[in-house]
Amino acid sequence: MSQERLAEILGVTFQQVQKYEKGINRVAASRLFELATALEVGVGYFFEGLAPEGSGIVAEEESAVFDAIASPEGLQLVTLFAAIKNPRLRRRVVELVRVIVEDSDHDEANAGAVS
């Protein structure tokens, strides 16, 4: 696919596509998802062959991020979360999600014990 065609699909100039390709401009998660869709590949395609640096924990966190933005709901959540400008409110949203996950894990653990 030509840069011109890709730019047309994304609604940007072909110069912007060149800047993405050369690494001059940062690619937001939502734009990365759009690129993957336009090219008919998964988001992970852009990271194939890259060896994770650092500890395994960082690699696990990166994997979780990629998994999250690969789903439409995850991408929407990340996009909306990024729009929250108040740091206190952002921390409260993170805490809310943490409690939801912990409750979900607790419910699943207890579901096996209840007969």
Protein backbone atom coordinates (compact mmCIF):
# COMPACT_ATOMS: atom_id res chain seq x y z
CA MET A 1 0.00 0.00 0.00
CA SER A 2 1.34 3.42 -0.88
CA GLN A 3 1.87 6.14 1.70
CA GLU A 4 -0.63 8.28 -0.20
CA ARG A 5 -3.34 5.59 0.03
CA LEU A 6 -2.64 4.97 3.72
CA ALA A 7 -2.79 8.71 4.41
CA GLU A 8 -6.13 8.89 2.62
CA ILE A 9 -7.55 6.05 4.72
CA LEU A 10 -6.27 7.63 7.95
CA GLY A 11 -7.38 11.13 7.01
CA VAL A 12 -3.89 12.64 7.27
CA THR A 13 -1.33 13.93 4.80
CA PHE A 14 1.16 11.54 3.26
CA GLN A 15 3.89 13.66 4.89
CA GLN A 16 2.38 12.74 8.27
CA VAL A 17 2.55 9.05 7.32
CA GLN A 18 6.22 9.57 6.41
CA LYS A 19 6.85 11.15 9.82
CA TYR A 20 5.24 8.12 11.50
CA GLU A 21 7.33 5.75 9.39
CA LYS A 22 10.60 7.55 10.14
CA GLY A 23 9.80 7.88 13.85
CA ILE A 24 9.78 11.67 13.73
CA ASN A 25 6.25 11.83 15.18
CA ARG A 26 4.96 9.65 17.97
CA VAL A 27 2.10 7.30 17.11
CA ALA A 28 -0.74 7.36 19.64
CA ALA A 29 -2.40 4.09 20.61
CA SER A 30 -5.59 5.02 18.78
CA ARG A 31 -3.64 5.86 15.61
CA LEU A 32 -1.69 2.59 15.90
CA PHE A 33 -5.00 0.74 16.02
CA GLU A 34 -6.18 2.66 12.92
CA LEU A 35 -2.93 1.81 11.12
CA ALA A 36 -3.32 -1.88 11.97
CA THR A 37 -6.91 -1.85 10.73
CA ALA A 38 -5.98 -0.08 7.49
CA LEU A 39 -3.16 -2.55 6.85
CA GLU A 40 -5.30 -5.51 7.93
CA VAL A 41 -2.84 -6.67 10.58
CA GLY A 42 -2.99 -6.97 14.36
CA VAL A 43 -1.47 -4.27 16.53
CA GLY A 44 1.18 -6.78 17.61
CA TYR A 45 2.49 -6.83 14.04
CA PHE A 46 4.31 -3.56 14.67
CA PHE A 47 6.21 -5.12 17.58
CA GLU A 48 7.16 -8.48 16.09
CA GLY A 49 10.82 -9.29 16.45
CA LEU A 50 11.41 -6.77 19.22
CA ALA A 51 13.03 -8.29 22.26
CA PRO A 52 11.58 -6.93 25.49
CA GLU A 53 14.15 -5.05 27.49
CA GLY A 54 14.43 -5.19 31.26
CA SER A 55 12.76 -7.64 33.56
CA GLY A 56 10.01 -10.09 32.76
CA ILE A 57 7.62 -7.93 34.78
CA VAL A 58 8.01 -5.09 32.30
CA ALA A 59 7.42 -7.50 29.42
CA GLU A 60 4.24 -8.76 31.13
CA GLU A 61 3.01 -5.19 31.64
CA GLU A 62 3.76 -4.33 28.01
CA SER A 63 1.91 -7.46 26.91
CA ALA A 64 -1.10 -6.45 29.01
CA VAL A 65 -1.08 -2.99 27.42
CA PHE A 66 -0.93 -4.43 23.91
CA ASP A 67 -3.73 -6.89 24.74
CA ALA A 68 -5.84 -4.04 26.13
CA ILE A 69 -5.50 -1.76 23.12
CA ALA A 70 -6.06 -4.67 20.74
CA SER A 71 -9.71 -4.86 21.80
CA PRO A 72 -12.20 -2.16 20.84
CA GLU A 73 -13.26 -1.74 24.49
CA GLY A 74 -9.67 -1.47 25.68
CA LEU A 75 -8.81 1.10 23.06
CA GLN A 76 -11.90 3.10 23.97
CA LEU A 77 -11.03 2.91 27.68
CA VAL A 78 -7.45 4.03 27.08
CA THR A 79 -8.58 6.88 24.82
CA LEU A 80 -11.17 8.09 27.31
CA PHE A 81 -8.77 7.74 30.25
CA ALA A 82 -6.18 9.85 28.42
CA ALA A 83 -8.80 12.58 28.08
CA ILE A 84 -9.10 12.92 31.89
CA LYS A 85 -6.88 15.88 32.76
CA ASN A 86 -7.36 15.92 36.54
CA PRO A 87 -4.60 13.75 38.13
CA ARG A 88 -6.67 13.10 41.26
CA LEU A 89 -9.60 11.90 39.18
CA ARG A 90 -7.29 9.68 37.09
CA ARG A 91 -5.99 8.04 40.28
CA ARG A 92 -9.58 7.48 41.44
CA VAL A 93 -10.47 5.82 38.13
CA VAL A 94 -7.45 3.51 38.46
CA GLU A 95 -8.48 2.65 42.01
CA LEU A 96 -12.05 1.93 40.85
CA VAL A 97 -10.80 -0.44 38.16
CA ARG A 98 -8.46 -2.10 40.68
CA VAL A 99 -11.40 -2.74 43.07
CA ILE A 100 -13.53 -4.11 40.22
CA VAL A 101 -10.76 -6.55 39.24
CA GLU A 102 -10.17 -7.62 42.85
CA ASP A 103 -13.92 -8.17 43.39
CA SER A 104 -14.12 -10.13 40.15
CA ASP A 105 -11.17 -12.32 41.19
CA HIS A 106 -12.75 -12.82 44.63
CA ASP A 107 -16.12 -13.75 43.09
CA GLU A 108 -14.49 -16.27 40.74
CA ALA A 109 -12.54 -17.86 43.59
CA ASN A 110 -15.70 -18.20 45.68
CA ALA A 111 -17.78 -19.53 42.78
CA GLY A 112 -15.72 -22.73 42.82
CA ALA A 113 -16.29 -23.17 46.57
CA VAL A 114 -20.08 -22.78 46.39
CA SER A 115 -21.95 -25.92 45.38
